[in-house]
C-alpha atoms as a PDB file:
ATOM      1  CA  MET A   1     -40.073 112.978 121.813  1.00  0.00           C
ATOM      2  CA  LYS A   2     -37.122 114.747 120.114  1.00  0.00           C
ATOM      3  CA  ALA A   3     -37.531 113.223 116.634  1.00  0.00           C
ATOM      4  CA  ARG A   4     -38.285 115.317 113.597  1.00  0.00           C
ATOM      5  CA  THR A   5     -40.325 114.363 110.539  1.00  0.00           C
ATOM      6  CA  LEU A   6     -38.770 113.359 107.266  1.00  0.00           C
ATOM      7  CA  PRO A   7     -36.908 116.051 105.319  1.00  0.00           C
ATOM      8  CA  SER A   8     -39.015 117.489 102.499  1.00  0.00           C
ATOM      9  CA  THR A   9     -36.661 115.906  99.985  1.00  0.00           C
ATOM     10  CA  TYR A  10     -38.291 112.501 100.676  1.00  0.00           C
ATOM     11  CA  TYR A  11     -41.379 113.943  99.024  1.00  0.00           C
ATOM     12  CA  THR A  12     -39.826 116.089  96.340  1.00  0.00           C
ATOM     13  CA  ASP A  13     -36.461 114.749  95.203  1.00  0.00           C
ATOM     14  CA  HIS A  14     -36.498 112.689  92.043  1.00  0.00           C
ATOM     15  CA  GLU A  15     -33.332 110.664  92.804  1.00  0.00           C
ATOM     16  CA  LYS A  16     -34.562 109.771  96.269  1.00  0.00           C
ATOM     17  CA  PHE A  17     -37.968 108.724  94.828  1.00  0.00           C
ATOM     18  CA  ASP A  18     -36.274 106.461  92.225  1.00  0.00           C
ATOM     19  CA  LYS A  19     -34.113 104.832  94.942  1.00  0.00           C
ATOM     20  CA  ILE A  20     -37.139 104.180  97.232  1.00  0.00           C
ATOM     21  CA  ARG A  21     -39.146 102.844  94.257  1.00  0.00           C
ATOM     22  CA  LYS A  22     -36.483 100.425  93.323  1.00  0.00           C
ATOM     23  CA  ARG A  23     -36.687  98.862  96.854  1.00  0.00           C
ATOM     24  CA  PHE A  24     -40.347  97.845  96.304  1.00  0.00           C
ATOM     25  CA  GLU A  25     -39.275  94.628  94.584  1.00  0.00           C
ATOM     26  CA  LYS A  26     -37.786  93.411  97.897  1.00  0.00           C
ATOM     27  CA  PHE A  27     -41.112  93.165  99.669  1.00  0.00           C
ATOM     28  CA  TRP A  28     -44.350  91.157  99.539  1.00  0.00           C
ATOM     29  CA  HIS A  29     -47.223  92.871  97.747  1.00  0.00           C
ATOM     30  CA  TYR A  30     -50.918  92.143  97.749  1.00  0.00           C
ATOM     31  CA  ALA A  31     -51.949  90.383  94.506  1.00  0.00           C
ATOM     32  CA  GLY A  32     -55.655  89.756  95.134  1.00  0.00           C
ATOM     33  CA  HIS A  33     -58.304  87.667  96.880  1.00  0.00           C
ATOM     34  CA  LEU A  34     -59.177  84.139  95.888  1.00  0.00           C
ATOM     35  CA  SER A  35     -62.858  85.150  95.330  1.00  0.00           C
ATOM     36  CA  GLN A  36     -61.670  87.082  92.231  1.00  0.00           C
ATOM     37  CA  LEU A  37     -61.004  83.660  90.743  1.00  0.00           C
ATOM     38  CA  SER A  38     -64.457  82.310  91.599  1.00  0.00           C
ATOM     39  CA  ASP A  39     -65.763  82.506  87.972  1.00  0.00           C
ATOM     40  CA  CYS A  40     -62.468  82.190  86.045  1.00  0.00           C
ATOM     41  CA  SER A  41     -59.194  80.255  85.987  1.00  0.00           C
ATOM     42  CA  ALA A  42     -56.823  83.214  85.686  1.00  0.00           C
ATOM     43  CA  ILE A  43     -56.875  87.014  86.191  1.00  0.00           C
ATOM     44  CA  SER A  44     -54.302  89.641  85.241  1.00  0.00           C
ATOM     45  CA  VAL A  45     -52.751  91.463  88.242  1.00  0.00           C
ATOM     46  CA  ASP A  46     -52.098  94.734  86.495  1.00  0.00           C
ATOM     47  CA  HIS A  47     -51.072  96.663  89.582  1.00  0.00           C
ATOM     48  CA  MET A  48     -48.063  94.286  90.056  1.00  0.00           C
ATOM     49  CA  GLY A  49     -46.566  95.534  86.847  1.00  0.00           C
ATOM     50  CA  ASP A  50     -46.907  99.076  88.089  1.00  0.00           C
ATOM     51  CA  LEU A  51     -45.525  98.284  91.529  1.00  0.00           C
ATOM     52  CA  ILE A  52     -42.570  96.065  90.771  1.00  0.00           C
ATOM     53  CA  GLY A  53     -42.239  96.026  87.000  1.00  0.00           C
ATOM     54  CA  GLU A  54     -43.376  92.475  86.414  1.00  0.00           C
ATOM     55  CA  PRO A  55     -46.871  91.854  84.762  1.00  0.00           C
ATOM     56  CA  MET A  56     -48.463  88.969  86.565  1.00  0.00           C
ATOM     57  CA  MET A  57     -51.353  86.606  86.383  1.00  0.00           C
ATOM     58  CA  MET A  58     -52.993  84.921  89.368  1.00  0.00           C
ATOM     59  CA  THR A  59     -54.154  81.362  88.755  1.00  0.00           C
ATOM     60  CA  ASP A  60     -55.740  78.727  90.946  1.00  0.00           C
ATOM     61  CA  GLU A  61     -55.831  75.124  89.860  1.00  0.00           C
ATOM     62  CA  ASN A  62     -54.968  72.814  92.794  1.00  0.00           C
ATOM     63  CA  GLU A  63     -52.486  75.501  93.901  1.00  0.00           C
ATOM     64  CA  THR A  64     -52.657  79.275  93.931  1.00  0.00           C
ATOM     65  CA  ARG A  65     -49.874  80.844  91.837  1.00  0.00           C
ATOM     66  CA  CYS A  66     -48.726  84.178  90.629  1.00  0.00           C
ATOM     67  CA  ILE A  67     -47.012  83.676  87.257  1.00  0.00           C
ATOM     68  CA  SER A  68     -45.587  85.922  84.564  1.00  0.00           C
ATOM     69  CA  ASN A  69     -48.123  87.455  82.216  1.00  0.00           C
ATOM     70  CA  VAL A  70     -45.453  87.913  79.470  1.00  0.00           C
ATOM     71  CA  CYS A  71     -45.354  85.381  76.601  1.00  0.00           C
ATOM     72  CA  THR A  72     -42.006  83.726  76.226  1.00  0.00           C
ATOM     73  CA  HIS A  73     -42.247  84.068  72.414  1.00  0.00           C
ATOM     74  CA  ARG A  74     -42.326  87.793  71.683  1.00  0.00           C
ATOM     75  CA  GLY A  75     -43.266  89.393  75.014  1.00  0.00           C
ATOM     76  CA  MET A  76     -47.003  89.942  74.422  1.00  0.00           C
ATOM     77  CA  LEU A  77     -49.183  90.164  77.490  1.00  0.00           C
ATOM     78  CA  ILE A  78     -51.200  86.912  77.582  1.00  0.00           C
ATOM     79  CA  CYS A  79     -54.120  87.752  79.837  1.00  0.00           C
ATOM     80  CA  ASN A  80     -55.645  91.206  79.565  1.00  0.00           C
ATOM     81  CA  ASN A  81     -58.384  90.770  82.158  1.00  0.00           C
ATOM     82  CA  LYS A  82     -59.536  87.234  82.964  1.00  0.00           C
ATOM     83  CA  SER A  83     -59.577  83.787  81.373  1.00  0.00           C
ATOM     84  CA  ARG A  84     -62.143  81.054  82.006  1.00  0.00           C
ATOM     85  CA  LYS A  85     -60.191  78.420  80.155  1.00  0.00           C
ATOM     86  CA  HIS A  86     -57.807  75.844  81.545  1.00  0.00           C
ATOM     87  CA  THR A  87     -55.191  76.655  78.897  1.00  0.00           C
ATOM     88  CA  LEU A  88     -53.597  80.110  78.681  1.00  0.00           C
ATOM     89  CA  ARG A  89     -53.335  81.286  75.085  1.00  0.00           C
ATOM     90  CA  CYS A  90     -51.247  84.229  73.869  1.00  0.00           C
ATOM     91  CA  PRO A  91     -53.448  86.328  71.601  1.00  0.00           C
ATOM     92  CA  TYR A  92     -50.555  87.430  69.420  1.00  0.00           C
ATOM     93  CA  HIS A  93     -49.292  84.075  67.888  1.00  0.00           C
ATOM     94  CA  GLY A  94     -51.274  81.386  69.779  1.00  0.00           C
ATOM     95  CA  ARG A  95     -48.586  80.063  72.093  1.00  0.00           C
ATOM     96  CA  THR A  96     -50.306  78.152  74.938  1.00  0.00           C
ATOM     97  CA  PHE A  97     -49.436  77.351  78.515  1.00  0.00           C
ATOM     98  CA  ALA A  98     -50.962  75.365  81.405  1.00  0.00           C
ATOM     99  CA  LEU A  99     -52.260  77.275  84.459  1.00  0.00           C
ATOM    100  CA  ASP A 100     -49.016  76.494  86.326  1.00  0.00           C
ATOM    101  CA  GLY A 101     -47.081  78.352  83.576  1.00  0.00           C
ATOM    102  CA  SER A 102     -45.635  75.360  81.817  1.00  0.00           C
ATOM    103  CA  PHE A 103     -45.391  75.487  78.067  1.00  0.00           C
ATOM    104  CA  LYS A 104     -47.925  73.414  76.131  1.00  0.00           C
ATOM    105  CA  ALA A 105     -47.804  74.191  72.388  1.00  0.00           C
ATOM    106  CA  MET A 106     -46.836  76.629  69.650  1.00  0.00           C
ATOM    107  CA  PRO A 107     -47.933  76.695  65.992  1.00  0.00           C
ATOM    108  CA  GLU A 108     -45.369  76.810  63.171  1.00  0.00           C
ATOM    109  CA  PHE A 109     -42.461  75.697  65.405  1.00  0.00           C
ATOM    110  CA  ASP A 110     -42.109  72.104  64.290  1.00  0.00           C
ATOM    111  CA  ASP A 111     -38.579  72.579  62.841  1.00  0.00           C
ATOM    112  CA  VAL A 112     -37.145  74.731  65.666  1.00  0.00           C
ATOM    113  CA  ILE A 113     -34.044  73.057  67.231  1.00  0.00           C
ATOM    114  CA  ASP A 114     -33.952  72.519  71.044  1.00  0.00           C
ATOM    115  CA  PHE A 115     -37.558  73.558  71.393  1.00  0.00           C
ATOM    116  CA  PRO A 116     -39.289  73.724  73.754  1.00  0.00           C
ATOM    117  CA  SER A 117     -36.912  74.209  76.679  1.00  0.00           C
ATOM    118  CA  PRO A 118     -37.493  75.321  80.253  1.00  0.00           C
ATOM    119  CA  LYS A 119     -37.044  78.946  79.144  1.00  0.00           C
ATOM    120  CA  ASP A 120     -40.313  78.663  77.218  1.00  0.00           C
ATOM    121  CA  ASP A 121     -42.233  78.155  80.522  1.00  0.00           C
ATOM    122  CA  LEU A 122     -43.756  81.154  82.222  1.00  0.00           C
ATOM    123  CA  GLU A 123     -41.798  82.262  85.350  1.00  0.00           C
ATOM    124  CA  SER A 124     -43.487  81.607  88.733  1.00  0.00           C
ATOM    125  CA  PHE A 125     -43.189  84.181  91.416  1.00  0.00           C
ATOM    126  CA  PRO A 126     -42.981  83.559  95.213  1.00  0.00           C
ATOM    127  CA  THR A 127     -46.647  83.366  96.363  1.00  0.00           C
ATOM    128  CA  MET A 128     -48.336  83.001  99.694  1.00  0.00           C
ATOM    129  CA  VAL A 129     -51.928  82.957 100.872  1.00  0.00           C
ATOM    130  CA  TRP A 130     -53.408  83.979 104.154  1.00  0.00           C
ATOM    131  CA  LYS A 131     -57.132  83.557 104.656  1.00  0.00           C
ATOM    132  CA  GLY A 132     -57.894  84.078 100.974  1.00  0.00           C
ATOM    133  CA  LEU A 133     -55.510  87.054 100.547  1.00  0.00           C
ATOM    134  CA  VAL A 134     -52.797  86.417  97.971  1.00  0.00           C
ATOM    135  CA  PHE A 135     -49.332  87.988  98.233  1.00  0.00           C
ATOM    136  CA  ALA A 136     -46.449  87.833  95.755  1.00  0.00           C
ATOM    137  CA  GLY A 137     -43.172  89.442  94.851  1.00  0.00           C
ATOM    138  CA  ILE A 138     -39.842  89.153  93.030  1.00  0.00           C
ATOM    139  CA  ASP A 139     -37.544  88.517  95.939  1.00  0.00           C
ATOM    140  CA  PRO A 140     -39.973  89.225  98.843  1.00  0.00           C
ATOM    141  CA  SER A 141     -39.443  89.275 102.577  1.00  0.00           C
ATOM    142  CA  GLY A 142     -40.737  90.908 105.756  1.00  0.00           C
ATOM    143  CA  ILE A 143     -44.433  90.026 106.002  1.00  0.00           C
ATOM    144  CA  SER A 144     -44.397  87.294 108.607  1.00  0.00           C
ATOM    145  CA  THR A 145     -44.859  89.567 111.656  1.00  0.00           C
ATOM    146  CA  CYS A 146     -47.617  91.375 109.810  1.00  0.00           C
ATOM    147  CA  ILE A 147     -49.466  88.120 109.293  1.00  0.00           C
ATOM    148  CA  GLU A 148     -48.994  87.111 112.922  1.00  0.00           C
ATOM    149  CA  GLU A 149     -50.430  90.411 114.099  1.00  0.00           C
ATOM    150  CA  MET A 150     -53.431  90.204 111.766  1.00  0.00           C
ATOM    151  CA  GLN A 151     -54.049  86.587 112.783  1.00  0.00           C
ATOM    152  CA  LYS A 152     -54.157  87.647 116.395  1.00  0.00           C
ATOM    153  CA  ARG A 153     -56.666  90.435 115.919  1.00  0.00           C
ATOM    154  CA  VAL A 154     -58.733  89.571 112.811  1.00  0.00           C
ATOM    155  CA  GLY A 155     -57.934  85.943 112.305  1.00  0.00           C
ATOM    156  CA  TRP A 156     -61.376  85.035 113.606  1.00  0.00           C
ATOM    157  CA  MET A 157     -63.013  86.752 110.679  1.00  0.00           C
ATOM    158  CA  PRO A 158     -63.978  84.478 107.719  1.00  0.00           C
ATOM    159  CA  ILE A 159     -61.936  86.650 105.269  1.00  0.00           C
ATOM    160  CA  GLU A 160     -61.429  83.692 102.958  1.00  0.00           C
ATOM    161  CA  LYS A 161     -65.206  83.486 102.494  1.00  0.00           C
ATOM    162  CA  TYR A 162     -65.638  87.220 101.629  1.00  0.00           C
ATOM    163  CA  LYS A 163     -66.938  87.886  98.084  1.00  0.00           C
ATOM    164  CA  TYR A 164     -65.350  90.206  95.646  1.00  0.00           C
ATOM    165  CA  ASP A 165     -67.625  93.152  94.803  1.00  0.00           C
ATOM    166  CA  PRO A 166     -66.442  94.824  91.520  1.00  0.00           C
ATOM    167  CA  THR A 167     -68.855  97.714  92.104  1.00  0.00           C
ATOM    168  CA  ARG A 168     -66.535  98.831  94.922  1.00  0.00           C
ATOM    169  CA  ASP A 169     -63.545  99.029  92.633  1.00  0.00           C
ATOM    170  CA  ARG A 170     -61.969 102.536  92.398  1.00  0.00           C
ATOM    171  CA  SER A 171     -58.839 103.955  90.873  1.00  0.00           C
ATOM    172  CA  TYR A 172     -57.630 107.462  91.562  1.00  0.00           C
ATOM    173  CA  GLU A 173     -54.579 109.376  90.444  1.00  0.00           C
ATOM    174  CA  ILE A 174     -53.562 112.278  92.745  1.00  0.00           C
ATOM    175  CA  LYS A 175     -50.983 115.006  92.447  1.00  0.00           C
ATOM    176  CA  ALA A 176     -48.888 114.157  95.466  1.00  0.00           C
ATOM    177  CA  ASN A 177     -46.011 111.920  96.537  1.00  0.00           C
ATOM    178  CA  TRP A 178     -47.030 108.407  97.688  1.00  0.00           C
ATOM    179  CA  ALA A 179     -45.421 108.753 101.101  1.00  0.00           C
ATOM    180  CA  LEU A 180     -47.631 111.704 101.920  1.00  0.00           C
ATOM    181  CA  TYR A 181     -50.682 109.548 101.278  1.00  0.00           C
ATOM    182  CA  VAL A 182     -49.297 106.922 103.574  1.00  0.00           C
ATOM    183  CA  ASP A 183     -48.475 109.589 106.285  1.00  0.00           C
ATOM    184  CA  ASN A 184     -52.085 110.742 106.190  1.00  0.00           C
ATOM    185  CA  TYR A 185     -53.437 107.242 106.508  1.00  0.00           C
ATOM    186  CA  LEU A 186     -51.287 106.418 109.503  1.00  0.00           C
ATOM    187  CA  GLU A 187     -52.758 108.848 111.966  1.00  0.00           C
ATOM    188  CA  GLY A 188     -56.174 109.704 113.315  1.00  0.00           C
ATOM    189  CA  PHE A 189     -54.925 113.123 114.338  1.00  0.00           C
ATOM    190  CA  HIS A 190     -56.707 114.750 111.369  1.00  0.00           C
ATOM    191  CA  ILE A 191     -60.088 113.088 111.768  1.00  0.00           C
ATOM    192  CA  PRO A 192     -61.834 115.897 113.741  1.00  0.00           C
ATOM    193  CA  PHE A 193     -60.474 118.490 111.299  1.00  0.00           C
ATOM    194  CA  VAL A 194     -60.951 116.693 107.941  1.00  0.00           C
ATOM    195  CA  HIS A 195     -63.614 114.026 108.335  1.00  0.00           C
ATOM    196  CA  GLN A 196     -66.574 115.565 110.164  1.00  0.00           C
ATOM    197  CA  ASP A 197     -68.939 112.751 109.433  1.00  0.00           C
ATOM    198  CA  LEU A 198     -66.474 109.977 110.322  1.00  0.00           C
ATOM    199  CA  ASN A 199     -65.665 111.909 113.588  1.00  0.00           C
ATOM    200  CA  THR A 200     -69.348 111.424 114.659  1.00  0.00           C
ATOM    201  CA  ILE A 201     -68.821 107.666 114.244  1.00  0.00           C
ATOM    202  CA  LEU A 202     -65.453 107.168 115.888  1.00  0.00           C
ATOM    203  CA  ASP A 203     -64.479 107.901 119.486  1.00  0.00           C
ATOM    204  CA  TYR A 204     -61.464 110.131 118.749  1.00  0.00           C
ATOM    205  CA  GLU A 205     -60.254 110.324 122.308  1.00  0.00           C
ATOM    206  CA  ASN A 206     -59.885 106.479 122.421  1.00  0.00           C
ATOM    207  CA  TYR A 207     -58.482 105.994 118.885  1.00  0.00           C
ATOM    208  CA  ARG A 208     -55.513 103.690 119.176  1.00  0.00           C
ATOM    209  CA  THR A 209     -52.368 103.078 117.209  1.00  0.00           C
ATOM    210  CA  GLU A 210     -50.034 100.142 117.595  1.00  0.00           C
ATOM    211  CA  THR A 211     -46.816  99.413 115.694  1.00  0.00           C
ATOM    212  CA  PHE A 212     -45.086  96.210 114.880  1.00  0.00           C
ATOM    213  CA  ASP A 213     -42.288  94.960 112.586  1.00  0.00           C
ATOM    214  CA  GLY A 214     -43.379  95.798 109.093  1.00  0.00           C
ATOM    215  CA  GLY A 215     -46.525  97.637 109.800  1.00  0.00           C
ATOM    216  CA  VAL A 216     -49.121  99.473 111.835  1.00  0.00           C
ATOM    217  CA  VAL A 217     -52.598  98.856 113.058  1.00  0.00           C
ATOM    218  CA  GLN A 218     -55.020 101.580 113.950  1.00  0.00           C
ATOM    219  CA  ILE A 219     -58.072 100.640 116.036  1.00  0.00           C
ATOM    220  CA  GLY A 220     -61.145 102.824 115.573  1.00  0.00           C
ATOM    221  CA  ILE A 221     -63.436 102.710 118.591  1.00  0.00           C
ATOM    222  CA  ALA A 222     -67.141 103.252 117.831  1.00  0.00           C
ATOM    223  CA  ASN A 223     -69.177 105.927 119.490  1.00  0.00           C
ATOM    224  CA  LYS A 224     -72.377 104.861 121.223  1.00  0.00           C
ATOM    225  CA  ASP A 225     -74.997 103.154 119.040  1.00  0.00           C
ATOM    226  CA  GLU A 226     -72.619 102.986 115.998  1.00  0.00           C
ATOM    227  CA  GLN A 227     -71.811  99.813 114.133  1.00  0.00           C
ATOM    228  CA  LYS A 228     -69.219  97.592 115.732  1.00  0.00           C
ATOM    229  CA  PHE A 229     -67.710  94.096 115.490  1.00  0.00           C
ATOM    230  CA  SER A 230     -69.179  91.192 117.562  1.00  0.00           C
ATOM    231  CA  LEU A 231     -65.850  90.115 118.933  1.00  0.00           C
ATOM    232  CA  PRO A 232     -65.083  86.582 120.075  1.00  0.00           C
ATOM    233  CA  ASP A 233     -64.173  85.967 123.695  1.00  0.00           C
ATOM    234  CA  ASN A 234     -60.528  85.291 122.798  1.00  0.00           C
ATOM    235  CA  SER A 235     -60.058  88.586 121.043  1.00  0.00           C
ATOM    236  CA  PRO A 236     -57.391  90.886 122.582  1.00  0.00           C
ATOM    237  CA  ASP A 237     -59.954  93.620 122.188  1.00  0.00           C
ATOM    238  CA  PHE A 238     -62.952  91.732 123.662  1.00  0.00           C
ATOM    239  CA  GLY A 239     -65.190  94.166 125.579  1.00  0.00           C
ATOM    240  CA  LEU A 240     -64.281  97.115 123.312  1.00  0.00           C
ATOM    241  CA  SER A 241     -66.630  98.633 120.676  1.00  0.00           C
ATOM    242  CA  ILE A 242     -64.387  98.232 117.627  1.00  0.00           C
ATOM    243  CA  ALA A 243     -65.723 100.124 114.525  1.00  0.00           C
ATOM    244  CA  ALA A 244     -62.708  99.278 112.304  1.00  0.00           C
ATOM    245  CA  TYR A 245     -59.257  97.856 112.111  1.00  0.00           C
ATOM    246  CA  TYR A 246     -56.917  99.742 109.774  1.00  0.00           C
ATOM    247  CA  TYR A 247     -53.833  97.758 108.886  1.00  0.00           C
ATOM    248  CA  TRP A 248     -50.912  99.187 106.930  1.00  0.00           C
ATOM    249  CA  ILE A 249     -48.157  96.869 105.585  1.00  0.00           C
ATOM    250  CA  PHE A 250     -44.898  98.368 104.326  1.00  0.00           C
ATOM    251  CA  PRO A 251     -44.573  99.915 101.811  1.00  0.00           C
ATOM    252  CA  GLY A 252     -48.035 100.818 100.625  1.00  0.00           C
ATOM    253  CA  LEU A 253     -50.732  98.278 101.370  1.00  0.00           C
ATOM    254  CA  MET A 254     -53.749  99.113 103.497  1.00  0.00           C
ATOM    255  CA  LEU A 255     -56.247  96.492 104.684  1.00  0.00           C
ATOM    256  CA  ASN A 256     -59.359  98.052 106.221  1.00  0.00           C
ATOM    257  CA  PHE A 257     -61.599  95.680 108.160  1.00  0.00           C
ATOM    258  CA  TYR A 258     -65.207  96.739 108.906  1.00  0.00           C
ATOM    259  CA  PRO A 259     -68.231  94.858 110.110  1.00  0.00           C
ATOM    260  CA  TRP A 260     -69.366  94.600 106.462  1.00  0.00           C
ATOM    261  CA  GLY A 261     -66.079  93.150 105.167  1.00  0.00           C
ATOM    262  CA  LEU A 262     -62.661  94.347 103.815  1.00  0.00           C
ATOM    263  CA  SER A 263     -61.607  97.366 101.781  1.00  0.00           C
ATOM    264  CA  VAL A 264     -58.103  97.097 100.257  1.00  0.00           C
ATOM    265  CA  ASN A 265     -56.069 100.221  99.290  1.00  0.00           C
ATOM    266  CA  ILE A 266     -53.086  99.617  96.976  1.00  0.00           C
ATOM    267  CA  ILE A 267     -50.722 102.550  96.761  1.00  0.00           C
ATOM    268  CA  ILE A 268     -48.745 102.839  93.529  1.00  0.00           C
ATOM    269  CA  PRO A 269     -46.047 105.504  93.215  1.00  0.00           C
ATOM    270  CA  ILE A 270     -46.027 106.837  89.655  1.00  0.00           C
ATOM    271  CA  SER A 271     -43.572 109.644  90.003  1.00  0.00           C
ATOM    272  CA  VAL A 272     -42.216 111.917  92.769  1.00  0.00           C
ATOM    273  CA  ASN A 273     -45.458 113.953  92.528  1.00  0.00           C
ATOM    274  CA  ARG A 274     -48.065 111.441  91.176  1.00  0.00           C
ATOM    275  CA  THR A 275     -49.665 108.519  93.030  1.00  0.00           C
ATOM    276  CA  ARG A 276     -52.375 106.007  91.999  1.00  0.00           C
ATOM    277  CA  ILE A 277     -54.622 104.544  94.664  1.00  0.00           C
ATOM    278  CA  ILE A 278     -56.567 101.347  93.778  1.00  0.00           C
ATOM    279  CA  PHE A 279     -59.492 100.282  95.936  1.00  0.00           C
ATOM    280  CA  GLN A 280     -61.038  96.743  95.981  1.00  0.00           C
ATOM    281  CA  GLY A 281     -63.870  95.608  98.169  1.00  0.00           C
ATOM    282  CA  PHE A 282     -64.743  92.163  99.594  1.00  0.00           C
ATOM    283  CA  VAL A 283     -68.115  91.757 101.344  1.00  0.00           C
ATOM    284  CA  GLY A 284     -68.797  89.477 104.247  1.00  0.00           C
ATOM    285  CA  ASP A 285     -72.103  90.903 105.510  1.00  0.00           C
ATOM    286  CA  LEU A 286     -74.355  92.654 103.001  1.00  0.00           C
ATOM    287  CA  ALA A 287     -76.614  93.922 105.800  1.00  0.00           C
ATOM    288  CA  MET A 288     -73.757  95.977 107.209  1.00  0.00           C
ATOM    289  CA  LEU A 289     -72.898  97.822 103.953  1.00  0.00           C
ATOM    290  CA  GLY A 290     -73.319 101.611 104.139  1.00  0.00           C
ATOM    291  CA  LYS A 291     -73.133 101.659 107.857  1.00  0.00           C
ATOM    292  CA  GLY A 292     -70.562 102.694 110.390  1.00  0.00           C
ATOM    293  CA  ALA A 293     -66.950 103.768 109.831  1.00  0.00           C
ATOM    294  CA  GLY A 294     -66.805 101.974 106.458  1.00  0.00           C
ATOM    295  CA  GLY A 295     -70.162 103.399 105.353  1.00  0.00           C
ATOM    296  CA  ASP A 296     -69.108 106.209 102.989  1.00  0.00           C
ATOM    297  CA  LEU A 297     -65.516 105.497 101.884  1.00  0.00           C
ATOM    298  CA  ASP A 298     -65.851 107.616  98.751  1.00  0.00           C
ATOM    299  CA  LYS A 299     -66.455 110.729 100.785  1.00  0.00           C
ATOM    300  CA  VAL A 300     -63.606 110.003 103.204  1.00  0.00           C
ATOM    301  CA  GLU A 301     -61.278 109.328 100.287  1.00  0.00           C
ATOM    302  CA  ALA A 302     -62.153 112.640  98.595  1.00  0.00           C
ATOM    303  CA  GLU A 303     -61.468 114.513 101.802  1.00  0.00           C
ATOM    304  CA  ASP A 304     -58.103 112.731 102.216  1.00  0.00           C
ATOM    305  CA  GLN A 305     -57.067 113.392  98.632  1.00  0.00           C
ATOM    306  CA  GLU A 306     -57.727 117.089  98.919  1.00  0.00           C
ATOM    307  CA  ILE A 307     -55.576 117.322 102.112  1.00  0.00           C
ATOM    308  CA  VAL A 308     -52.743 115.214 100.675  1.00  0.00           C
ATOM    309  CA  GLU A 309     -52.490 117.200  97.449  1.00  0.00           C
ATOM    310  CA  ALA A 310     -52.481 120.477  99.390  1.00  0.00           C
ATOM    311  CA  THR A 311     -49.757 119.128 101.696  1.00  0.00           C
ATOM    312  CA  HIS A 312     -47.622 118.159  98.613  1.00  0.00           C
ATOM    313  CA  LYS A 313     -47.725 121.735  97.562  1.00  0.00           C
ATOM    314  CA  GLY A 314     -46.709 122.786 101.025  1.00  0.00           C
ATOM    315  CA  VAL A 315     -43.736 120.436 101.434  1.00  0.00           C
ATOM    316  CA  SER A 316     -42.433 121.564  98.018  1.00  0.00           C
ATOM    317  CA  SER A 317     -42.144 125.072  99.292  1.00  0.00           C
ATOM    318  CA  GLY A 318     -38.603 126.351  99.940  1.00  0.00           C
ATOM    319  CA  LEU A 319     -39.804 127.539 103.358  1.00  0.00           C
ATOM    320  CA  TYR A 320     -40.586 124.001 104.589  1.00  0.00           C
ATOM    321  CA  HIS A 321     -37.901 121.445 105.594  1.00  0.00           C
ATOM    322  CA  ARG A 322     -39.282 119.219 108.401  1.00  0.00           C
ATOM    323  CA  GLY A 323     -41.447 119.313 111.458  1.00  0.00           C
ATOM    324  CA  ARG A 324     -42.037 117.450 114.787  1.00  0.00           C
ATOM    325  CA  TYR A 325     -44.228 114.521 115.746  1.00  0.00           C
ATOM    326  CA  SER A 326     -47.131 114.395 118.221  1.00  0.00           C
ATOM    327  CA  PRO A 327     -46.091 111.661 120.760  1.00  0.00           C
ATOM    328  CA  THR A 328     -49.762 110.771 121.214  1.00  0.00           C
ATOM    329  CA  LYS A 329     -51.173 110.931 117.712  1.00  0.00           C
ATOM    330  CA  GLU A 330     -48.408 110.351 115.171  1.00  0.00           C
ATOM    331  CA  LYS A 331     -46.850 107.138 116.423  1.00  0.00           C
ATOM    332  CA  GLY A 332     -47.750 105.322 113.145  1.00  0.00           C
ATOM    333  CA  VAL A 333     -46.174 108.099 111.027  1.00  0.00           C
ATOM    334  CA  HIS A 334     -42.957 108.025 113.020  1.00  0.00           C
ATOM    335  CA  HIS A 335     -42.834 104.244 112.570  1.00  0.00           C
ATOM    336  CA  PHE A 336     -43.260 104.548 108.766  1.00  0.00           C
ATOM    337  CA  HIS A 337     -40.586 107.168 108.574  1.00  0.00           C
ATOM    338  CA  MET A 338     -38.178 105.004 110.496  1.00  0.00           C
ATOM    339  CA  MET A 339     -38.815 102.045 108.189  1.00  0.00           C
ATOM    340  CA  LEU A 340     -38.512 104.292 105.105  1.00  0.00           C
ATOM    341  CA  THR A 341     -35.136 105.643 106.130  1.00  0.00           C
ATOM    342  CA  GLU A 342     -33.928 102.158 107.167  1.00  0.00           C
ATOM    343  CA  HIS A 343     -34.774 100.640 103.731  1.00  0.00           C
ATOM    344  CA  THR A 344     -33.489 103.532 101.556  1.00  0.00           C
ATOM    345  CA  THR A 345     -30.158 104.507 103.186  1.00  0.00           C
END
């Protein structure tokens, strides 16, 4: 392989960061899981405002929707956390909306001419659902192959029946560029050096990485006697001891499937040298919690953050420009870099 890694400016240049960040609105982004609506009619999807600049709500009444969370009267956020009512009410002046975003009523507006109009409805965003996972965006494209790949490998899992576990929620802010965090996620190369405990669970020599249009899947093979999936006969991996499937979907979504369920990582670029990582957990098998490759995610995350922050300091050095790829261990990183340059040049 003759290719070189990204120039350090991809991690350190403010203008390049802004250009990349603007492109986020062209892709599908994870909004949530339907189980988060199990005890309510609407929830705010705060990370969407951070990702693509549009505060959203996720609602589910006959149809799952992602709609604007911005009141059409004076711009107040309507839902600050969750709502259990079948009418959405702005807390500022009392304007109300149905769960599909359509305007319902507004006090003190009886004498307003040409009111209400379609502009008083809340905007609906493109929304799609796959096995309970909800995706949305402004003008999104590019997720169909990712869904096909996940359907092939993990479609047999009852993901739509997994239960949201708020005790697994985490939010971290790190001093590093978002792409460095993705780089680190996309290779198992560092596991023996950084994750000593995880390395005893996974068979490093048989760790696998596969790329596809729009994403990457890494397949963690379990060492002997470690927790693994009970794969169906029609699985492409039947006969293998799979400890984890790690899916990344461009630009910054990570779906980590373990025998206990699903851990979601949402990567939010804040600035050229600041990144927020949001974790959500959805449990399918309580008996498997705390075991195997997904047993101590907090420890693994702390180890990764330390490495990524140190790497950001390194790539900011005037002595570093770019490196080379390992053909056997950094296939996923190379794929990400190819996509990043394709979408930002």
